[in-house]
Protein backbone atom coordinates (compact mmCIF):
# COMPACT_ATOMS: atom_id res chain seq x y z
CA MET A 1 -43.89 2.69 -78.42
CA SER A 2 -46.09 6.19 -78.13
CA ASN A 3 -47.17 9.07 -76.28
CA PRO A 4 -49.27 12.16 -77.48
CA ALA A 5 -47.40 14.63 -79.42
CA PRO A 6 -46.50 17.91 -79.02
CA THR A 7 -48.31 20.63 -80.82
CA PRO A 8 -47.22 22.02 -83.34
CA VAL A 9 -45.18 18.59 -84.00
CA PRO A 10 -41.53 19.66 -84.11
CA GLY A 11 -39.56 18.70 -87.29
CA PRO A 12 -37.39 15.37 -87.63
CA GLY A 13 -35.19 15.30 -84.48
CA GLY A 14 -36.60 18.88 -83.27
CA ARG A 15 -34.91 18.97 -79.48
CA LEU A 16 -36.21 15.59 -78.99
CA GLY A 17 -32.56 14.02 -79.52
CA LEU A 18 -33.86 11.59 -82.54
CA ILE A 19 -30.54 12.29 -84.93
CA GLY A 20 -28.26 10.97 -82.09
CA LEU A 21 -30.54 8.01 -81.13
CA ALA A 22 -31.05 7.08 -85.07
CA GLU A 23 -27.07 7.11 -85.22
CA ARG A 24 -26.42 4.95 -82.66
CA ILE A 25 -29.19 2.71 -83.46
CA ARG A 26 -28.13 2.27 -87.14
CA MET A 27 -24.09 1.90 -85.81
CA ALA A 28 -25.60 -1.01 -84.04
CA GLY A 29 -27.05 -2.54 -87.64
CA GLY A 30 -30.74 -2.21 -86.44
CA THR A 31 -33.29 0.50 -88.12
CA ILE A 32 -35.51 3.07 -86.39
CA ALA A 33 -38.87 4.98 -87.54
CA HIS A 34 -40.82 8.03 -86.14
CA ASP A 35 -43.89 9.14 -87.06
CA VAL A 36 -47.12 10.89 -85.67
CA ARG A 37 -50.25 8.58 -86.03
CA ASP A 38 -53.78 9.77 -84.89
CA GLY A 39 -52.17 12.56 -82.74
CA ARG A 40 -49.87 10.42 -81.00
CA PHE A 41 -46.04 10.23 -81.27
CA VAL A 42 -44.90 6.61 -82.43
CA LEU A 43 -41.28 5.49 -82.27
CA GLU A 44 -40.38 2.17 -83.52
CA ALA A 45 -36.89 0.72 -83.10
CA SER A 46 -35.31 -2.81 -83.96
CA LEU A 47 -32.01 -4.14 -83.33
CA PRO A 48 -30.43 -6.94 -84.28
CA TRP A 49 -29.69 -8.42 -80.84
CA GLU A 50 -30.27 -12.35 -79.84
CA ALA A 51 -32.87 -12.23 -76.77
C-alpha cells in the first residue's frame, strides 16, 4: 500500500497512528515496515494468518 508522502515527512509514528498499528500487528505475531520511497509513503505489513 502506498500514497503520496506529506511534506515535510513526519517522524516515525508522527500523528499517523503507526505506533499503535505496529503494536497490534506485532502482538498478532506479524511484522510491519514503513518508509518513504520516491515521494510516496509505503506501508508493508504481514500477518501470520492462513487465507
